[in-house]
Each structure stands twice: as C-alpha cells, then as structure tokens.
Amino acid sequence: MKLLLDEMYAGLKEYFETLGYEVLTAQEVGLRAAKDKDIVEYAGKHGLILVTQDQKPAELAELTGVKYVLISNALIAKIADEKIKEKYKQ
C-alpha cells in the first residue's frame, strides 16, 4: 500500500516504511502549506491513502471517495488511555 503523510506526520515516514508501506510526505511532493483540497486531490490522483490529523482533509476525502485515515486527538487519547490502563493496572 502507498501512503501520503500529511505535514504533521512526515516524521513517521521511516516507521511506516519499516512496516512495509511505500510512503510519500506532503513536503516531498511539493505540497508544503498546500490547501487541504490540493492534498486530497494529489492522494486521489496517485492512488495514495492519505494519513492526516485534520478533520477537513478527511471530510474532503470522504466526499470525493479518496482513501484516508484520520488520526484524531480523540483516537490518540483513547490509545494512550488503553496503554496506561494496561501498563499500570490498579
């Protein structure tokens, strides 16, 4: 699978590559500070799954049928909560 990491996740590129993904970042493809619409269009045009933290590009992707994964703050908090409870059972 091929991913396009939105700007906030560019630092995760090597991790995803280690997991076997082909990865591009928004910065690498000339989309630094680009409009959300342009990032979504790029992902769709190149058959990439967009990984983002922002609601707006996720919604635009949903509307246009572009594959995406929204990693929201709520999702991060839920994962952290599970890990904390698992590691520090009371």
N, C-alpha and C. Protein backbone atom coordinates (compact mmCIF):
# COMPACT_ATOMS: atom_id res chain seq x y z
N MET A 1 0.83 -1.18 0.00
CA MET A 1 0.00 0.00 0.00
C MET A 1 0.87 1.24 0.00
N LYS A 2 0.33 2.28 -0.60
CA LYS A 2 1.07 3.53 -0.70
C LYS A 2 0.37 4.61 0.12
N LEU A 3 1.15 5.33 0.90
CA LEU A 3 0.61 6.35 1.78
C LEU A 3 1.10 7.73 1.40
N LEU A 4 0.27 8.73 1.67
CA LEU A 4 0.67 10.12 1.62
C LEU A 4 0.48 10.66 3.03
N LEU A 5 1.58 11.02 3.68
CA LEU A 5 1.50 11.56 5.03
C LEU A 5 1.31 13.07 4.97
N ASP A 6 0.26 13.56 5.61
CA ASP A 6 0.06 14.99 5.71
C ASP A 6 1.21 15.57 6.53
N GLU A 7 1.40 16.88 6.46
CA GLU A 7 2.59 17.52 7.02
C GLU A 7 2.90 17.13 8.46
N MET A 8 1.89 17.04 9.31
CA MET A 8 2.14 16.77 10.73
C MET A 8 2.68 15.36 10.98
N TYR A 9 2.56 14.48 10.01
CA TYR A 9 3.02 13.10 10.19
C TYR A 9 4.26 12.75 9.37
N ALA A 10 4.91 13.74 8.79
CA ALA A 10 6.11 13.48 7.98
C ALA A 10 7.18 12.74 8.77
N GLY A 11 7.27 13.00 10.06
CA GLY A 11 8.27 12.34 10.90
C GLY A 11 8.03 10.85 11.09
N LEU A 12 6.88 10.37 10.67
CA LEU A 12 6.57 8.94 10.80
C LEU A 12 6.93 8.14 9.55
N LYS A 13 7.48 8.80 8.56
CA LYS A 13 7.77 8.13 7.29
C LYS A 13 8.59 6.85 7.47
N GLU A 14 9.69 6.93 8.19
CA GLU A 14 10.55 5.75 8.35
C GLU A 14 9.85 4.61 9.08
N TYR A 15 8.98 4.96 10.03
CA TYR A 15 8.24 3.92 10.76
C TYR A 15 7.32 3.16 9.81
N PHE A 16 6.57 3.90 8.99
CA PHE A 16 5.68 3.25 8.04
C PHE A 16 6.46 2.45 6.99
N GLU A 17 7.60 2.97 6.56
CA GLU A 17 8.42 2.23 5.60
C GLU A 17 8.92 0.93 6.23
N THR A 18 9.29 0.98 7.48
CA THR A 18 9.74 -0.22 8.19
C THR A 18 8.63 -1.25 8.27
N LEU A 19 7.39 -0.78 8.33
CA LEU A 19 6.23 -1.67 8.38
C LEU A 19 5.83 -2.17 6.99
N GLY A 20 6.55 -1.74 5.95
CA GLY A 20 6.32 -2.26 4.61
C GLY A 20 5.53 -1.37 3.67
N TYR A 21 5.21 -0.17 4.08
CA TYR A 21 4.46 0.74 3.21
C TYR A 21 5.39 1.53 2.31
N GLU A 22 4.88 1.91 1.14
CA GLU A 22 5.55 2.90 0.31
C GLU A 22 5.00 4.24 0.77
N VAL A 23 5.89 5.18 1.08
CA VAL A 23 5.44 6.41 1.73
C VAL A 23 5.99 7.66 1.05
N LEU A 24 5.10 8.61 0.85
CA LEU A 24 5.47 9.95 0.42
C LEU A 24 4.95 10.91 1.47
N THR A 25 5.61 12.04 1.62
CA THR A 25 5.10 13.07 2.51
C THR A 25 4.61 14.25 1.67
N ALA A 26 3.72 15.02 2.24
CA ALA A 26 3.22 16.20 1.55
C ALA A 26 4.38 17.12 1.14
N GLN A 27 5.36 17.24 2.01
CA GLN A 27 6.50 18.10 1.73
C GLN A 27 7.29 17.59 0.52
N GLU A 28 7.50 16.29 0.44
CA GLU A 28 8.28 15.70 -0.65
C GLU A 28 7.66 15.92 -2.02
N VAL A 29 6.35 15.98 -2.06
CA VAL A 29 5.67 16.09 -3.36
C VAL A 29 5.27 17.53 -3.67
N GLY A 30 5.84 18.47 -2.94
CA GLY A 30 5.61 19.89 -3.22
C GLY A 30 4.32 20.45 -2.66
N LEU A 31 3.79 19.82 -1.61
CA LEU A 31 2.53 20.26 -1.03
C LEU A 31 2.70 20.88 0.36
N ARG A 32 3.87 21.43 0.63
CA ARG A 32 4.09 22.12 1.91
C ARG A 32 3.15 23.32 1.98
N ALA A 33 2.39 23.42 3.06
CA ALA A 33 1.44 24.51 3.29
C ALA A 33 0.38 24.61 2.18
N ALA A 34 0.10 23.50 1.54
CA ALA A 34 -0.90 23.48 0.46
C ALA A 34 -2.32 23.48 1.04
N LYS A 35 -3.27 23.83 0.22
CA LYS A 35 -4.67 23.77 0.61
C LYS A 35 -5.05 22.30 0.80
N ASP A 36 -5.95 22.06 1.73
CA ASP A 36 -6.41 20.69 2.00
C ASP A 36 -6.93 20.03 0.73
N LYS A 37 -7.67 20.77 -0.06
CA LYS A 37 -8.23 20.26 -1.32
C LYS A 37 -7.12 19.74 -2.24
N ASP A 38 -6.01 20.45 -2.31
CA ASP A 38 -4.91 20.05 -3.18
C ASP A 38 -4.25 18.76 -2.70
N ILE A 39 -4.13 18.62 -1.40
CA ILE A 39 -3.53 17.40 -0.82
C ILE A 39 -4.41 16.20 -1.10
N VAL A 40 -5.71 16.38 -0.90
CA VAL A 40 -6.66 15.29 -1.15
C VAL A 40 -6.66 14.92 -2.63
N GLU A 41 -6.67 15.91 -3.50
CA GLU A 41 -6.65 15.64 -4.94
C GLU A 41 -5.38 14.89 -5.34
N TYR A 42 -4.25 15.25 -4.77
CA TYR A 42 -2.99 14.57 -5.08
C TYR A 42 -3.08 13.10 -4.67
N ALA A 43 -3.57 12.86 -3.46
CA ALA A 43 -3.69 11.48 -2.98
C ALA A 43 -4.60 10.68 -3.91
N GLY A 44 -5.73 11.25 -4.28
CA GLY A 44 -6.65 10.54 -5.16
C GLY A 44 -6.07 10.27 -6.53
N LYS A 45 -5.43 11.26 -7.10
CA LYS A 45 -4.86 11.15 -8.45
C LYS A 45 -3.77 10.08 -8.51
N HIS A 46 -3.02 9.91 -7.42
CA HIS A 46 -1.89 8.98 -7.39
C HIS A 46 -2.19 7.67 -6.65
N GLY A 47 -3.45 7.45 -6.29
CA GLY A 47 -3.84 6.20 -5.65
C GLY A 47 -3.21 6.00 -4.28
N LEU A 48 -3.06 7.08 -3.52
CA LEU A 48 -2.44 7.03 -2.20
C LEU A 48 -3.50 7.10 -1.11
N ILE A 49 -3.21 6.50 0.02
CA ILE A 49 -4.06 6.63 1.20
C ILE A 49 -3.53 7.81 2.00
N LEU A 50 -4.37 8.79 2.23
CA LEU A 50 -3.97 9.98 2.97
C LEU A 50 -4.04 9.69 4.47
N VAL A 51 -2.96 9.97 5.17
CA VAL A 51 -2.93 9.86 6.63
C VAL A 51 -2.84 11.27 7.18
N THR A 52 -3.86 11.68 7.93
CA THR A 52 -3.95 13.05 8.40
C THR A 52 -4.48 13.12 9.82
N GLN A 53 -4.23 14.25 10.45
CA GLN A 53 -4.77 14.53 11.78
C GLN A 53 -5.91 15.54 11.68
N ASP A 54 -6.05 16.15 10.54
CA ASP A 54 -7.01 17.23 10.37
C ASP A 54 -8.35 16.74 9.84
N GLN A 55 -9.40 17.22 10.44
CA GLN A 55 -10.76 16.83 10.07
C GLN A 55 -11.12 17.24 8.65
N LYS A 56 -10.75 18.46 8.25
CA LYS A 56 -11.18 18.96 6.94
C LYS A 56 -10.69 18.11 5.77
N PRO A 57 -9.37 17.78 5.68
CA PRO A 57 -8.98 16.93 4.56
C PRO A 57 -9.63 15.55 4.62
N ALA A 58 -9.88 15.05 5.82
CA ALA A 58 -10.56 13.76 5.95
C ALA A 58 -11.97 13.86 5.38
N GLU A 59 -12.65 14.95 5.70
CA GLU A 59 -14.01 15.14 5.18
C GLU A 59 -14.01 15.32 3.67
N LEU A 60 -13.04 16.08 3.15
CA LEU A 60 -12.94 16.26 1.70
C LEU A 60 -12.66 14.92 1.02
N ALA A 61 -11.80 14.11 1.62
CA ALA A 61 -11.50 12.79 1.07
C ALA A 61 -12.76 11.93 1.07
N GLU A 62 -13.50 11.98 2.14
CA GLU A 62 -14.75 11.21 2.23
C GLU A 62 -15.72 11.63 1.12
N LEU A 63 -15.85 12.92 0.92
CA LEU A 63 -16.77 13.43 -0.10
C LEU A 63 -16.36 13.05 -1.52
N THR A 64 -15.06 12.92 -1.74
CA THR A 64 -14.57 12.67 -3.10
C THR A 64 -14.15 11.21 -3.34
N GLY A 65 -14.32 10.38 -2.33
CA GLY A 65 -14.00 8.96 -2.49
C GLY A 65 -12.52 8.63 -2.43
N VAL A 66 -11.73 9.55 -1.87
CA VAL A 66 -10.29 9.30 -1.71
C VAL A 66 -10.08 8.53 -0.42
N LYS A 67 -9.22 7.53 -0.46
CA LYS A 67 -8.93 6.74 0.74
C LYS A 67 -8.15 7.60 1.73
N TYR A 68 -8.49 7.45 3.02
CA TYR A 68 -7.82 8.24 4.06
C TYR A 68 -7.91 7.54 5.40
N VAL A 69 -7.05 7.95 6.31
CA VAL A 69 -7.11 7.54 7.70
C VAL A 69 -6.99 8.81 8.52
N LEU A 70 -7.96 9.05 9.39
CA LEU A 70 -7.95 10.21 10.27
C LEU A 70 -7.45 9.77 11.64
N ILE A 71 -6.31 10.29 12.04
CA ILE A 71 -5.75 10.01 13.35
C ILE A 71 -6.03 11.25 14.21
N SER A 72 -7.20 11.28 14.81
CA SER A 72 -7.63 12.45 15.58
C SER A 72 -7.02 12.45 16.98
N ASN A 73 -7.09 13.59 17.63
CA ASN A 73 -6.62 13.67 19.02
C ASN A 73 -7.42 12.74 19.92
N ALA A 74 -8.71 12.57 19.63
CA ALA A 74 -9.53 11.66 20.40
C ALA A 74 -9.04 10.22 20.26
N LEU A 75 -8.65 9.83 19.06
CA LEU A 75 -8.12 8.49 18.84
C LEU A 75 -6.80 8.30 19.58
N ILE A 76 -5.93 9.30 19.51
CA ILE A 76 -4.65 9.23 20.22
C ILE A 76 -4.89 9.10 21.73
N ALA A 77 -5.81 9.89 22.26
CA ALA A 77 -6.12 9.83 23.69
C ALA A 77 -6.67 8.45 24.08
N LYS A 78 -7.51 7.88 23.24
CA LYS A 78 -8.08 6.56 23.51
C LYS A 78 -6.99 5.50 23.55
N ILE A 79 -6.08 5.54 22.59
CA ILE A 79 -4.97 4.58 22.56
C ILE A 79 -4.09 4.75 23.78
N ALA A 80 -3.77 6.00 24.13
CA ALA A 80 -2.95 6.27 25.31
C ALA A 80 -3.63 5.77 26.57
N ASP A 81 -4.93 6.00 26.69
CA ASP A 81 -5.69 5.54 27.85
C ASP A 81 -5.60 4.02 27.99
N GLU A 82 -5.77 3.31 26.88
CA GLU A 82 -5.69 1.85 26.91
C GLU A 82 -4.31 1.39 27.36
N LYS A 83 -3.28 2.02 26.83
CA LYS A 83 -1.90 1.64 27.19
C LYS A 83 -1.60 1.94 28.65
N ILE A 84 -2.05 3.09 29.15
CA ILE A 84 -1.84 3.45 30.54
C ILE A 84 -2.52 2.43 31.46
N LYS A 85 -3.75 2.11 31.16
CA LYS A 85 -4.51 1.15 32.00
C LYS A 85 -3.89 -0.24 31.92
N GLU A 86 -3.38 -0.61 30.77
CA GLU A 86 -2.75 -1.92 30.59
C GLU A 86 -1.45 -2.00 31.38
N LYS A 87 -0.67 -0.95 31.32
CA LYS A 87 0.66 -0.95 31.95
C LYS A 87 0.59 -0.70 33.45
N TYR A 88 -0.35 0.10 33.90
CA TYR A 88 -0.41 0.49 35.31
C TYR A 88 -1.76 0.13 35.91
N LYS A 89 -2.08 -1.15 35.85
CA LYS A 89 -3.34 -1.64 36.41
C LYS A 89 -3.39 -1.33 37.90
N GLN A 90 -4.56 -0.94 38.35
CA GLN A 90 -4.70 -0.64 39.79
C GLN A 90 -5.64 -1.61 40.46
